[in-house]
Amino acid sequence: MGKEWTRMEMAEFLGKMAQGLSSVENRQDMPKSFQNLFEKKGKEDIGLTMSNIVWLGNQLESANYSEPALKNWVKREIKEYIGGPQIGRKYSIQQAALLFIVKDLKVLLDFEAIRKILGSIFNNPVKREDDIISPIQFYKAYSRLYERLVNQTELLSEQIIKAEIQYFLLKEESYSAEEKGKIFAALMVAILAVRTNFLKAWAKRYVMDEKGKE
């Protein structure tokens, strides 16, 4: 991966980090402090500083992450869902994924609505096993669904998105009907948020072009 990572690439990268499988090979653009994370042996959990998370987030296409904003979210806006640092003084990969989810949702929703989405599928941040779906799994699910959708059609109608999510959940046997209903609603919102991010960035390019012509 280089600059302009897709969300699917980021989701896969986070998943590999969580399993201790990532390597710094072909990632020489990474800050030295970040590369040092991969020198850990075995299955020792990797912890990320807030600056690590900001750097990662800013590799995403059309992304603009800032450390003050994320710190404010952690201390105030989504404190009950992310919790404090879980790997010493650093944040876990799951916590990083949750911040990326919030960043996507923020373009479309206020924090009151975001907390409703998070609360519907995530529970105690200290015990991720009681979540309906983990942050990494959810991030990966909507990233994969979005890429599949845009590769199939240029027009993402409500019915097309619904059908894709329903097909995805049909194959998932580990969730109850009630849990699938909650995941369905959260995925719908997340995919619409990603699409909004794309459209917003697209519009900004034209604004910048117009400014350049003045």
N, C-alpha and C. Protein backbone atom coordinates (compact mmCIF):
# COMPACT_ATOMS: atom_id res chain seq x y z
N MET A 1 0.84 -1.20 0.00
CA MET A 1 0.00 0.00 0.00
C MET A 1 0.87 1.25 0.00
N GLY A 2 0.42 2.26 -0.67
CA GLY A 2 1.07 3.55 -0.64
C GLY A 2 0.07 4.58 -0.19
N LYS A 3 0.27 5.82 -0.60
CA LYS A 3 -0.70 6.86 -0.30
C LYS A 3 -2.02 6.51 -0.95
N GLU A 4 -3.09 7.06 -0.41
CA GLU A 4 -4.43 6.82 -0.93
C GLU A 4 -4.85 5.36 -0.79
N TRP A 5 -4.68 4.80 0.40
CA TRP A 5 -5.15 3.44 0.65
C TRP A 5 -6.68 3.43 0.59
N THR A 6 -7.24 2.38 0.09
CA THR A 6 -8.69 2.22 0.17
C THR A 6 -9.03 1.75 1.59
N ARG A 7 -10.29 1.86 1.97
CA ARG A 7 -10.69 1.38 3.29
C ARG A 7 -10.52 -0.13 3.39
N MET A 8 -10.71 -0.84 2.29
CA MET A 8 -10.53 -2.27 2.31
C MET A 8 -9.08 -2.63 2.61
N GLU A 9 -8.15 -1.91 1.99
CA GLU A 9 -6.73 -2.13 2.27
C GLU A 9 -6.41 -1.83 3.73
N MET A 10 -7.00 -0.75 4.24
CA MET A 10 -6.77 -0.40 5.65
C MET A 10 -7.34 -1.47 6.57
N ALA A 11 -8.54 -1.95 6.27
CA ALA A 11 -9.16 -2.98 7.10
C ALA A 11 -8.30 -4.24 7.14
N GLU A 12 -7.78 -4.65 6.00
CA GLU A 12 -6.92 -5.84 5.93
C GLU A 12 -5.62 -5.61 6.71
N PHE A 13 -5.09 -4.40 6.59
CA PHE A 13 -3.86 -4.05 7.30
C PHE A 13 -4.07 -4.11 8.81
N LEU A 14 -5.19 -3.55 9.28
CA LEU A 14 -5.50 -3.57 10.72
C LEU A 14 -5.69 -5.01 11.20
N GLY A 15 -6.37 -5.81 10.40
CA GLY A 15 -6.58 -7.21 10.76
C GLY A 15 -5.28 -7.97 10.90
N LYS A 16 -4.35 -7.72 9.99
CA LYS A 16 -3.04 -8.38 10.06
C LYS A 16 -2.24 -7.90 11.26
N MET A 17 -2.31 -6.60 11.54
CA MET A 17 -1.62 -6.08 12.71
C MET A 17 -2.14 -6.71 13.99
N ALA A 18 -3.47 -6.85 14.06
CA ALA A 18 -4.09 -7.44 15.25
C ALA A 18 -3.65 -8.88 15.46
N GLN A 19 -3.28 -9.56 14.36
CA GLN A 19 -2.82 -10.94 14.44
C GLN A 19 -1.31 -11.04 14.49
N GLY A 20 -0.64 -9.90 14.49
CA GLY A 20 0.83 -9.90 14.51
C GLY A 20 1.45 -10.37 13.22
N LEU A 21 0.73 -10.20 12.09
CA LEU A 21 1.20 -10.74 10.82
C LEU A 21 1.80 -9.71 9.88
N SER A 22 1.71 -8.41 10.22
CA SER A 22 2.18 -7.38 9.30
C SER A 22 3.70 -7.32 9.26
N SER A 23 4.21 -6.83 8.16
CA SER A 23 5.65 -6.60 8.04
C SER A 23 5.85 -5.22 7.47
N VAL A 24 7.04 -4.68 7.64
CA VAL A 24 7.34 -3.34 7.13
C VAL A 24 7.85 -3.40 5.70
N GLU A 25 7.86 -4.58 5.13
CA GLU A 25 8.32 -4.75 3.76
C GLU A 25 7.48 -3.89 2.81
N ASN A 26 8.14 -3.14 1.95
CA ASN A 26 7.47 -2.27 0.98
C ASN A 26 6.64 -1.17 1.64
N ARG A 27 7.00 -0.83 2.88
CA ARG A 27 6.30 0.26 3.56
C ARG A 27 7.33 1.24 4.11
N GLN A 28 8.28 1.60 3.29
CA GLN A 28 9.36 2.47 3.73
C GLN A 28 8.91 3.90 3.96
N ASP A 29 7.67 4.24 3.55
CA ASP A 29 7.16 5.59 3.79
C ASP A 29 6.67 5.75 5.22
N MET A 30 6.60 4.67 5.95
CA MET A 30 6.13 4.74 7.33
C MET A 30 7.15 5.44 8.21
N PRO A 31 6.68 6.22 9.19
CA PRO A 31 7.61 6.82 10.16
C PRO A 31 8.37 5.72 10.89
N LYS A 32 9.58 6.03 11.30
CA LYS A 32 10.42 5.05 11.98
C LYS A 32 9.75 4.51 13.23
N SER A 33 9.07 5.38 13.99
CA SER A 33 8.41 4.94 15.21
C SER A 33 7.33 3.91 14.92
N PHE A 34 6.72 4.02 13.73
CA PHE A 34 5.68 3.08 13.34
C PHE A 34 6.30 1.76 12.90
N GLN A 35 7.38 1.83 12.15
CA GLN A 35 8.06 0.62 11.70
C GLN A 35 8.56 -0.22 12.87
N ASN A 36 8.95 0.46 13.94
CA ASN A 36 9.47 -0.26 15.12
C ASN A 36 8.42 -1.16 15.75
N LEU A 37 7.15 -0.86 15.52
CA LEU A 37 6.07 -1.68 16.09
C LEU A 37 6.15 -3.12 15.60
N PHE A 38 6.62 -3.30 14.38
CA PHE A 38 6.61 -4.62 13.77
C PHE A 38 7.83 -5.47 14.13
N GLU A 39 8.68 -4.93 14.98
CA GLU A 39 9.85 -5.69 15.43
C GLU A 39 9.51 -6.56 16.64
N LYS A 40 8.26 -6.43 17.12
CA LYS A 40 7.83 -7.25 18.26
C LYS A 40 7.76 -8.72 17.87
N LYS A 41 8.06 -9.55 18.80
CA LYS A 41 8.09 -10.99 18.53
C LYS A 41 6.78 -11.66 18.94
N GLY A 42 6.45 -12.71 18.25
CA GLY A 42 5.30 -13.52 18.61
C GLY A 42 3.98 -12.79 18.50
N LYS A 43 3.09 -13.11 19.42
CA LYS A 43 1.72 -12.58 19.38
C LYS A 43 1.52 -11.40 20.32
N GLU A 44 2.60 -10.78 20.74
CA GLU A 44 2.47 -9.63 21.64
C GLU A 44 1.60 -8.56 20.97
N ASP A 45 0.64 -8.04 21.73
CA ASP A 45 -0.27 -7.04 21.17
C ASP A 45 0.48 -5.78 20.77
N ILE A 46 0.10 -5.24 19.63
CA ILE A 46 0.68 -4.00 19.15
C ILE A 46 -0.17 -2.84 19.65
N GLY A 47 0.47 -1.87 20.26
CA GLY A 47 -0.23 -0.68 20.72
C GLY A 47 0.12 0.51 19.84
N LEU A 48 -0.84 1.39 19.60
CA LEU A 48 -0.64 2.55 18.74
C LEU A 48 -0.79 3.84 19.54
N THR A 49 0.12 4.77 19.33
CA THR A 49 -0.07 6.10 19.90
C THR A 49 -1.11 6.83 19.06
N MET A 50 -1.61 7.93 19.58
CA MET A 50 -2.58 8.71 18.81
C MET A 50 -1.95 9.23 17.52
N SER A 51 -0.67 9.58 17.57
CA SER A 51 0.00 10.06 16.35
C SER A 51 0.13 8.94 15.33
N ASN A 52 0.32 7.69 15.79
CA ASN A 52 0.33 6.53 14.89
C ASN A 52 -1.01 6.41 14.17
N ILE A 53 -2.10 6.55 14.94
CA ILE A 53 -3.45 6.41 14.38
C ILE A 53 -3.73 7.52 13.37
N VAL A 54 -3.30 8.74 13.70
CA VAL A 54 -3.50 9.88 12.79
C VAL A 54 -2.72 9.65 11.49
N TRP A 55 -1.47 9.18 11.62
CA TRP A 55 -0.68 8.93 10.41
C TRP A 55 -1.37 7.88 9.53
N LEU A 56 -1.81 6.79 10.15
CA LEU A 56 -2.50 5.74 9.41
C LEU A 56 -3.75 6.29 8.73
N GLY A 57 -4.56 7.01 9.48
CA GLY A 57 -5.80 7.55 8.93
C GLY A 57 -5.57 8.45 7.75
N ASN A 58 -4.49 9.21 7.77
CA ASN A 58 -4.21 10.13 6.68
C ASN A 58 -3.65 9.45 5.44
N GLN A 59 -3.44 8.14 5.51
CA GLN A 59 -3.08 7.39 4.29
C GLN A 59 -4.32 7.03 3.49
N LEU A 60 -5.49 7.13 4.12
CA LEU A 60 -6.73 6.79 3.43
C LEU A 60 -7.08 7.81 2.36
N GLU A 61 -7.73 7.34 1.31
CA GLU A 61 -8.17 8.24 0.25
C GLU A 61 -9.13 9.28 0.81
N SER A 62 -8.94 10.51 0.40
CA SER A 62 -9.82 11.62 0.78
C SER A 62 -9.95 11.78 2.29
N ALA A 63 -8.87 11.55 3.03
CA ALA A 63 -8.94 11.61 4.50
C ALA A 63 -8.21 12.85 5.02
N ASN A 64 -8.66 13.33 6.16
CA ASN A 64 -8.01 14.46 6.83
C ASN A 64 -8.16 14.29 8.33
N TYR A 65 -7.20 13.61 8.93
CA TYR A 65 -7.22 13.33 10.37
C TYR A 65 -6.34 14.34 11.10
N SER A 66 -6.77 14.72 12.31
CA SER A 66 -5.95 15.59 13.16
C SER A 66 -5.93 15.02 14.57
N GLU A 67 -4.79 15.13 15.22
CA GLU A 67 -4.65 14.56 16.57
C GLU A 67 -5.54 15.25 17.59
N PRO A 68 -5.67 16.59 17.58
CA PRO A 68 -6.56 17.23 18.56
C PRO A 68 -8.00 16.74 18.47
N ALA A 69 -8.50 16.55 17.23
CA ALA A 69 -9.89 16.09 17.06
C ALA A 69 -10.07 14.70 17.63
N LEU A 70 -9.15 13.79 17.33
CA LEU A 70 -9.28 12.42 17.82
C LEU A 70 -9.16 12.35 19.34
N LYS A 71 -8.29 13.16 19.90
CA LYS A 71 -8.14 13.18 21.36
C LYS A 71 -9.43 13.68 22.01
N ASN A 72 -10.08 14.65 21.39
CA ASN A 72 -11.33 15.16 21.92
C ASN A 72 -12.41 14.08 21.88
N TRP A 73 -12.43 13.31 20.78
CA TRP A 73 -13.42 12.22 20.69
C TRP A 73 -13.20 11.21 21.80
N VAL A 74 -11.93 10.85 22.02
CA VAL A 74 -11.60 9.82 23.00
C VAL A 74 -11.92 10.28 24.43
N LYS A 75 -11.65 11.54 24.71
CA LYS A 75 -11.86 12.06 26.07
C LYS A 75 -13.29 12.49 26.34
N ARG A 76 -14.03 12.81 25.27
CA ARG A 76 -15.37 13.35 25.50
C ARG A 76 -16.45 12.65 24.67
N GLU A 77 -16.43 12.83 23.37
CA GLU A 77 -17.55 12.48 22.51
C GLU A 77 -17.88 10.99 22.47
N ILE A 78 -16.86 10.13 22.43
CA ILE A 78 -17.12 8.68 22.36
C ILE A 78 -16.35 7.94 23.46
N LYS A 79 -16.14 8.62 24.55
CA LYS A 79 -15.36 8.06 25.65
C LYS A 79 -15.89 6.71 26.11
N GLU A 80 -17.23 6.58 26.20
CA GLU A 80 -17.82 5.34 26.73
C GLU A 80 -17.69 4.15 25.78
N TYR A 81 -17.33 4.41 24.52
CA TYR A 81 -17.21 3.32 23.55
C TYR A 81 -15.77 2.95 23.23
N ILE A 82 -14.85 3.90 23.41
CA ILE A 82 -13.46 3.57 23.09
C ILE A 82 -12.65 3.26 24.34
N GLY A 83 -12.98 3.89 25.48
CA GLY A 83 -12.23 3.63 26.70
C GLY A 83 -10.84 4.25 26.66
N GLY A 84 -10.07 4.00 27.72
CA GLY A 84 -8.71 4.51 27.79
C GLY A 84 -7.74 3.62 27.04
N PRO A 85 -6.47 4.03 26.94
CA PRO A 85 -5.45 3.20 26.29
C PRO A 85 -5.43 1.80 26.89
N GLN A 86 -5.37 0.77 26.06
CA GLN A 86 -5.47 -0.61 26.52
C GLN A 86 -4.18 -1.40 26.41
N ILE A 87 -3.18 -0.84 25.72
CA ILE A 87 -1.88 -1.51 25.60
C ILE A 87 -0.85 -0.60 26.25
N GLY A 88 -0.73 -0.69 27.57
CA GLY A 88 0.11 0.27 28.28
C GLY A 88 -0.52 1.65 28.16
N ARG A 89 0.23 2.58 27.59
CA ARG A 89 -0.29 3.93 27.35
C ARG A 89 -0.74 4.11 25.91
N LYS A 90 -0.84 2.99 25.20
CA LYS A 90 -1.20 3.06 23.78
C LYS A 90 -2.58 2.43 23.54
N TYR A 91 -3.11 2.69 22.35
CA TYR A 91 -4.43 2.19 21.99
C TYR A 91 -4.32 0.88 21.20
N SER A 92 -5.31 0.03 21.36
CA SER A 92 -5.32 -1.26 20.65
C SER A 92 -5.72 -1.05 19.19
N ILE A 93 -5.52 -2.08 18.38
CA ILE A 93 -5.91 -2.03 16.97
C ILE A 93 -7.43 -1.90 16.85
N GLN A 94 -8.16 -2.56 17.75
CA GLN A 94 -9.62 -2.45 17.74
C GLN A 94 -10.05 -1.01 18.02
N GLN A 95 -9.38 -0.35 18.94
CA GLN A 95 -9.70 1.05 19.24
C GLN A 95 -9.40 1.95 18.04
N ALA A 96 -8.31 1.65 17.33
CA ALA A 96 -7.98 2.42 16.13
C ALA A 96 -9.07 2.25 15.08
N ALA A 97 -9.53 1.01 14.89
CA ALA A 97 -10.60 0.75 13.92
C ALA A 97 -11.86 1.52 14.29
N LEU A 98 -12.15 1.59 15.59
CA LEU A 98 -13.36 2.30 16.03
C LEU A 98 -13.25 3.79 15.71
N LEU A 99 -12.06 4.35 15.88
CA LEU A 99 -11.85 5.76 15.53
C LEU A 99 -12.02 5.99 14.03
N PHE A 100 -11.57 5.05 13.22
CA PHE A 100 -11.76 5.17 11.77
C PHE A 100 -13.25 5.10 11.41
N ILE A 101 -13.99 4.27 12.12
CA ILE A 101 -15.44 4.16 11.90
C ILE A 101 -16.11 5.49 12.23
N VAL A 102 -15.75 6.06 13.39
CA VAL A 102 -16.34 7.34 13.80
C VAL A 102 -16.01 8.43 12.79
N LYS A 103 -14.78 8.44 12.31
CA LYS A 103 -14.38 9.45 11.31
C LYS A 103 -15.24 9.34 10.06
N ASP A 104 -15.52 8.13 9.62
CA ASP A 104 -16.39 7.95 8.45
C ASP A 104 -17.80 8.45 8.73
N LEU A 105 -18.34 8.09 9.89
CA LEU A 105 -19.71 8.46 10.22
C LEU A 105 -19.87 9.96 10.44
N LYS A 106 -18.79 10.62 10.86
CA LYS A 106 -18.87 12.04 11.23
C LYS A 106 -19.27 12.92 10.05
N VAL A 107 -18.98 12.53 8.83
CA VAL A 107 -19.32 13.35 7.67
C VAL A 107 -20.83 13.42 7.46
N LEU A 108 -21.54 12.45 8.03
CA LEU A 108 -22.98 12.33 7.80
C LEU A 108 -23.82 12.57 9.04
N LEU A 109 -23.28 12.26 10.23
CA LEU A 109 -24.06 12.28 11.47
C LEU A 109 -23.42 13.16 12.54
N ASP A 110 -24.26 13.64 13.47
CA ASP A 110 -23.72 14.31 14.65
C ASP A 110 -23.36 13.24 15.68
N PHE A 111 -22.72 13.66 16.77
CA PHE A 111 -22.23 12.66 17.73
C PHE A 111 -23.36 11.95 18.46
N GLU A 112 -24.48 12.59 18.64
CA GLU A 112 -25.61 11.91 19.28
C GLU A 112 -26.04 10.71 18.44
N ALA A 113 -26.14 10.91 17.13
CA ALA A 113 -26.53 9.81 16.23
C ALA A 113 -25.42 8.77 16.15
N ILE A 114 -24.17 9.22 16.13
CA ILE A 114 -23.04 8.28 16.06
C ILE A 114 -23.04 7.37 17.28
N ARG A 115 -23.30 7.94 18.46
CA ARG A 115 -23.34 7.12 19.68
C ARG A 115 -24.45 6.08 19.62
N LYS A 116 -25.55 6.41 18.97
CA LYS A 116 -26.63 5.44 18.82
C LYS A 116 -26.18 4.27 17.94
N ILE A 117 -25.47 4.57 16.86
CA ILE A 117 -24.96 3.52 15.98
C ILE A 117 -23.95 2.65 16.73
N LEU A 118 -23.00 3.29 17.40
CA LEU A 118 -21.98 2.53 18.13
C LEU A 118 -22.61 1.68 19.22
N GLY A 119 -23.57 2.26 19.95
CA GLY A 119 -24.20 1.54 21.04
C GLY A 119 -25.05 0.37 20.60
N SER A 120 -25.47 0.37 19.34
CA SER A 120 -26.30 -0.73 18.85
C SER A 120 -25.50 -1.99 18.57
N ILE A 121 -24.20 -1.85 18.32
CA ILE A 121 -23.40 -3.03 17.96
C ILE A 121 -22.17 -3.25 18.85
N PHE A 122 -21.72 -2.20 19.56
CA PHE A 122 -20.56 -2.32 20.43
C PHE A 122 -20.97 -2.11 21.88
N ASN A 123 -20.29 -2.80 22.80
CA ASN A 123 -20.62 -2.69 24.21
C ASN A 123 -19.41 -2.20 25.02
N ASN A 124 -19.07 -2.91 26.07
CA ASN A 124 -17.97 -2.53 26.95
C ASN A 124 -16.65 -2.52 26.18
N PRO A 125 -15.96 -1.36 26.07
CA PRO A 125 -14.72 -1.31 25.30
C PRO A 125 -13.59 -2.13 25.88
N VAL A 126 -13.68 -2.46 27.18
CA VAL A 126 -12.64 -3.26 27.83
C VAL A 126 -12.82 -4.74 27.48
N LYS A 127 -14.05 -5.15 27.18
CA LYS A 127 -14.34 -6.55 26.84
C LYS A 127 -14.97 -6.61 25.46
N ARG A 128 -14.13 -6.65 24.43
CA ARG A 128 -14.63 -6.62 23.07
C ARG A 128 -15.43 -7.87 22.72
N GLU A 129 -15.26 -8.94 23.51
CA GLU A 129 -15.98 -10.17 23.21
C GLU A 129 -17.49 -10.04 23.42
N ASP A 130 -17.95 -9.00 24.12
CA ASP A 130 -19.38 -8.84 24.28
C ASP A 130 -20.01 -7.94 23.21
N ASP A 131 -19.20 -7.50 22.25
CA ASP A 131 -19.74 -6.77 21.10
C ASP A 131 -20.51 -7.72 20.20
N ILE A 132 -21.50 -7.23 19.51
CA ILE A 132 -22.18 -8.06 18.51
C ILE A 132 -21.20 -8.39 17.38
N ILE A 133 -20.43 -7.39 17.00
CA ILE A 133 -19.41 -7.54 15.98
C ILE A 133 -18.24 -6.66 16.41
N SER A 134 -17.01 -7.08 16.19
CA SER A 134 -15.88 -6.27 16.64
C SER A 134 -15.69 -5.07 15.71
N PRO A 135 -15.04 -4.00 16.20
CA PRO A 135 -14.79 -2.85 15.33
C PRO A 135 -14.06 -3.20 14.04
N ILE A 136 -13.03 -4.05 14.13
CA ILE A 136 -12.31 -4.43 12.91
C ILE A 136 -13.21 -5.18 11.94
N GLN A 137 -14.00 -6.11 12.46
CA GLN A 137 -14.92 -6.87 11.59
C GLN A 137 -15.95 -5.95 10.93
N PHE A 138 -16.47 -5.00 11.69
CA PHE A 138 -17.46 -4.08 11.14
C PHE A 138 -16.83 -3.18 10.09
N TYR A 139 -15.65 -2.64 10.39
CA TYR A 139 -14.94 -1.77 9.45
C TYR A 139 -14.64 -2.53 8.15
N LYS A 140 -14.19 -3.76 8.31
CA LYS A 140 -13.89 -4.58 7.14
C LYS A 140 -15.15 -4.89 6.35
N ALA A 141 -16.26 -5.15 7.04
CA ALA A 141 -17.51 -5.51 6.37
C ALA A 141 -18.01 -4.37 5.49
N TYR A 142 -18.10 -3.16 6.05
CA TYR A 142 -18.64 -2.09 5.21
C TYR A 142 -17.65 -1.61 4.16
N SER A 143 -16.35 -1.76 4.44
CA SER A 143 -15.35 -1.41 3.43
C SER A 143 -15.44 -2.35 2.24
N ARG A 144 -15.57 -3.65 2.53
CA ARG A 144 -15.68 -4.65 1.47
C ARG A 144 -16.98 -4.48 0.69
N LEU A 145 -18.08 -4.25 1.40
CA LEU A 145 -19.37 -4.07 0.73
C LEU A 145 -19.36 -2.84 -0.16
N TYR A 146 -18.77 -1.76 0.31
CA TYR A 146 -18.72 -0.54 -0.49
C TYR A 146 -17.92 -0.75 -1.77
N GLU A 147 -16.75 -1.38 -1.65
CA GLU A 147 -15.93 -1.62 -2.84
C GLU A 147 -16.66 -2.52 -3.83
N ARG A 148 -17.35 -3.53 -3.32
CA ARG A 148 -18.10 -4.43 -4.19
C ARG A 148 -19.21 -3.67 -4.91
N LEU A 149 -19.89 -2.80 -4.19
CA LEU A 149 -20.99 -2.03 -4.78
C LEU A 149 -20.51 -1.09 -5.88
N VAL A 150 -19.45 -0.33 -5.62
CA VAL A 150 -18.99 0.64 -6.62
C VAL A 150 -18.37 -0.05 -7.83
N ASN A 151 -17.91 -1.29 -7.65
CA ASN A 151 -17.39 -2.04 -8.79
C ASN A 151 -18.51 -2.61 -9.66
N GLN A 152 -19.71 -2.69 -9.08
CA GLN A 152 -20.85 -3.25 -9.80
C GLN A 152 -21.66 -2.20 -10.55
N THR A 153 -21.77 -1.01 -9.96
CA THR A 153 -22.64 0.00 -10.54
C THR A 153 -22.19 1.40 -10.14
N GLU A 154 -22.48 2.38 -10.99
CA GLU A 154 -22.15 3.76 -10.69
C GLU A 154 -23.22 4.41 -9.81
N LEU A 155 -24.43 3.87 -9.83
CA LEU A 155 -25.53 4.42 -9.06
C LEU A 155 -25.84 3.53 -7.86
N LEU A 156 -25.61 4.05 -6.67
CA LEU A 156 -25.87 3.28 -5.45
C LEU A 156 -27.24 3.68 -4.90
N SER A 157 -28.25 2.99 -5.34
CA SER A 157 -29.60 3.27 -4.83
C SER A 157 -29.79 2.55 -3.50
N GLU A 158 -30.83 2.94 -2.77
CA GLU A 158 -31.12 2.31 -1.48
C GLU A 158 -31.36 0.82 -1.65
N GLN A 159 -32.10 0.44 -2.67
CA GLN A 159 -32.42 -0.98 -2.88
C GLN A 159 -31.18 -1.80 -3.21
N ILE A 160 -30.29 -1.23 -4.00
CA ILE A 160 -29.06 -1.95 -4.36
C ILE A 160 -28.19 -2.17 -3.12
N ILE A 161 -28.05 -1.15 -2.28
CA ILE A 161 -27.26 -1.27 -1.06
C ILE A 161 -27.89 -2.28 -0.10
N LYS A 162 -29.21 -2.18 0.08
CA LYS A 162 -29.91 -3.12 0.95
C LYS A 162 -29.70 -4.57 0.51
N ALA A 163 -29.85 -4.81 -0.79
CA ALA A 163 -29.72 -6.17 -1.32
C ALA A 163 -28.33 -6.73 -1.05
N GLU A 164 -27.29 -5.88 -1.19
CA GLU A 164 -25.92 -6.34 -0.98
C GLU A 164 -25.67 -6.67 0.49
N ILE A 165 -26.19 -5.85 1.38
CA ILE A 165 -26.03 -6.11 2.82
C ILE A 165 -26.79 -7.37 3.22
N GLN A 166 -28.00 -7.53 2.72
CA GLN A 166 -28.80 -8.71 3.03
C GLN A 166 -28.11 -9.99 2.56
N TYR A 167 -27.51 -9.94 1.39
CA TYR A 167 -26.78 -11.11 0.86
C TYR A 167 -25.59 -11.42 1.76
N PHE A 168 -24.90 -10.39 2.20
CA PHE A 168 -23.75 -10.57 3.09
C PHE A 168 -24.18 -11.23 4.40
N LEU A 169 -25.26 -10.72 5.00
CA LEU A 169 -25.72 -11.24 6.30
C LEU A 169 -26.34 -12.63 6.18
N LEU A 170 -26.88 -12.95 5.00
CA LEU A 170 -27.47 -14.27 4.78
C LEU A 170 -26.44 -15.38 5.00
N LYS A 171 -25.18 -15.08 4.66
CA LYS A 171 -24.11 -16.08 4.77
C LYS A 171 -23.52 -16.14 6.18
N GLU A 172 -23.88 -15.17 7.02
CA GLU A 172 -23.35 -15.13 8.38
C GLU A 172 -24.28 -15.90 9.33
N GLU A 173 -23.77 -16.99 9.88
CA GLU A 173 -24.60 -17.86 10.71
C GLU A 173 -24.38 -17.65 12.21
N SER A 174 -23.44 -16.81 12.57
CA SER A 174 -23.12 -16.66 14.00
C SER A 174 -23.96 -15.58 14.70
N TYR A 175 -24.82 -14.90 13.94
CA TYR A 175 -25.64 -13.84 14.52
C TYR A 175 -27.10 -14.25 14.58
N SER A 176 -27.79 -13.77 15.62
CA SER A 176 -29.23 -13.99 15.71
C SER A 176 -29.94 -13.04 14.76
N ALA A 177 -31.24 -13.25 14.58
CA ALA A 177 -32.02 -12.37 13.71
C ALA A 177 -32.00 -10.94 14.23
N GLU A 178 -32.09 -10.78 15.55
CA GLU A 178 -32.06 -9.44 16.14
C GLU A 178 -30.70 -8.78 15.92
N GLU A 179 -29.64 -9.55 16.09
CA GLU A 179 -28.29 -9.01 15.88
C GLU A 179 -28.08 -8.62 14.43
N LYS A 180 -28.58 -9.44 13.52
CA LYS A 180 -28.46 -9.12 12.09
C LYS A 180 -29.19 -7.82 11.76
N GLY A 181 -30.33 -7.60 12.42
CA GLY A 181 -31.08 -6.37 12.19
C GLY A 181 -30.27 -5.15 12.59
N LYS A 182 -29.57 -5.24 13.72
CA LYS A 182 -28.76 -4.13 14.19
C LYS A 182 -27.54 -3.91 13.29
N ILE A 183 -26.90 -5.00 12.88
CA ILE A 183 -25.75 -4.89 11.99
C ILE A 183 -26.17 -4.33 10.64
N PHE A 184 -27.33 -4.76 10.15
CA PHE A 184 -27.85 -4.27 8.87
C PHE A 184 -27.99 -2.75 8.89
N ALA A 185 -28.64 -2.22 9.93
CA ALA A 185 -28.85 -0.77 10.03
C ALA A 185 -27.53 -0.02 10.11
N ALA A 186 -26.58 -0.55 10.91
CA ALA A 186 -25.29 0.11 11.06
C ALA A 186 -24.49 0.08 9.76
N LEU A 187 -24.55 -1.05 9.04
CA LEU A 187 -23.84 -1.15 7.76
C LEU A 187 -24.44 -0.18 6.73
N MET A 188 -25.76 -0.07 6.72
CA MET A 188 -26.43 0.84 5.80
C MET A 188 -25.93 2.27 6.02
N VAL A 189 -25.90 2.69 7.27
CA VAL A 189 -25.44 4.04 7.59
C VAL A 189 -23.97 4.23 7.21
N ALA A 190 -23.13 3.23 7.53
CA ALA A 190 -21.70 3.35 7.26
C ALA A 190 -21.42 3.44 5.76
N ILE A 191 -22.11 2.64 4.96
CA ILE A 191 -21.91 2.69 3.50
C ILE A 191 -22.35 4.03 2.94
N LEU A 192 -23.46 4.55 3.43
CA LEU A 192 -23.92 5.87 2.99
C LEU A 192 -22.92 6.95 3.40
N ALA A 193 -22.31 6.79 4.58
CA ALA A 193 -21.32 7.75 5.04
C ALA A 193 -20.07 7.73 4.16
N VAL A 194 -19.61 6.53 3.80
CA VAL A 194 -18.45 6.42 2.92
C VAL A 194 -18.74 7.06 1.56
N ARG A 195 -19.95 6.82 1.06
CA ARG A 195 -20.34 7.42 -0.22
C ARG A 195 -20.36 8.94 -0.11
N THR A 196 -20.85 9.45 1.02
CA THR A 196 -20.87 10.90 1.24
C THR A 196 -19.47 11.47 1.29
N ASN A 197 -18.55 10.74 1.95
CA ASN A 197 -17.14 11.15 1.97
C ASN A 197 -16.60 11.28 0.56
N PHE A 198 -16.90 10.29 -0.28
CA PHE A 198 -16.41 10.29 -1.65
C PHE A 198 -16.98 11.48 -2.43
N LEU A 199 -18.29 11.70 -2.30
CA LEU A 199 -18.94 12.79 -3.03
C LEU A 199 -18.43 14.15 -2.56
N LYS A 200 -18.20 14.28 -1.26
CA LYS A 200 -17.68 15.53 -0.71
C LYS A 200 -16.29 15.83 -1.27
N ALA A 201 -15.42 14.81 -1.30
CA ALA A 201 -14.07 14.99 -1.84
C ALA A 201 -14.13 15.30 -3.33
N TRP A 202 -15.04 14.66 -4.04
CA TRP A 202 -15.23 14.87 -5.47
C TRP A 202 -15.63 16.32 -5.74
N ALA A 203 -16.59 16.82 -4.97
CA ALA A 203 -17.04 18.20 -5.13
C ALA A 203 -15.91 19.19 -4.84
N LYS A 204 -15.11 18.91 -3.80
CA LYS A 204 -14.01 19.80 -3.44
C LYS A 204 -12.98 19.93 -4.55
N ARG A 205 -12.77 18.84 -5.32
CA ARG A 205 -11.82 18.91 -6.42
C ARG A 205 -12.27 19.94 -7.46
N TYR A 206 -13.55 20.00 -7.71
CA TYR A 206 -14.07 20.96 -8.67
C TYR A 206 -13.98 22.38 -8.13
N VAL A 207 -14.20 22.55 -6.82
CA VAL A 207 -14.05 23.87 -6.21
C VAL A 207 -12.61 24.34 -6.36
N MET A 208 -11.67 23.45 -6.10
CA MET A 208 -10.26 23.81 -6.22
C MET A 208 -9.90 24.13 -7.66
N ASP A 209 -10.46 23.40 -8.62
CA ASP A 209 -10.21 23.66 -10.04
C ASP A 209 -10.70 25.05 -10.41
N GLU A 210 -11.89 25.40 -9.91
CA GLU A 210 -12.46 26.71 -10.21
C GLU A 210 -11.60 27.83 -9.63
N LYS A 211 -11.08 27.60 -8.43
CA LYS A 211 -10.21 28.60 -7.81
C LYS A 211 -8.93 28.78 -8.61
N GLY A 212 -8.46 27.65 -9.15
CA GLY A 212 -7.23 27.72 -9.93
C GLY A 212 -7.39 28.48 -11.23
N LYS A 213 -8.62 28.59 -11.72
CA LYS A 213 -8.86 29.28 -12.98
C LYS A 213 -9.04 30.78 -12.80
N GLU A 214 -9.22 31.23 -11.54
CA GLU A 214 -9.49 32.63 -11.29
C GLU A 214 -8.23 33.48 -11.52
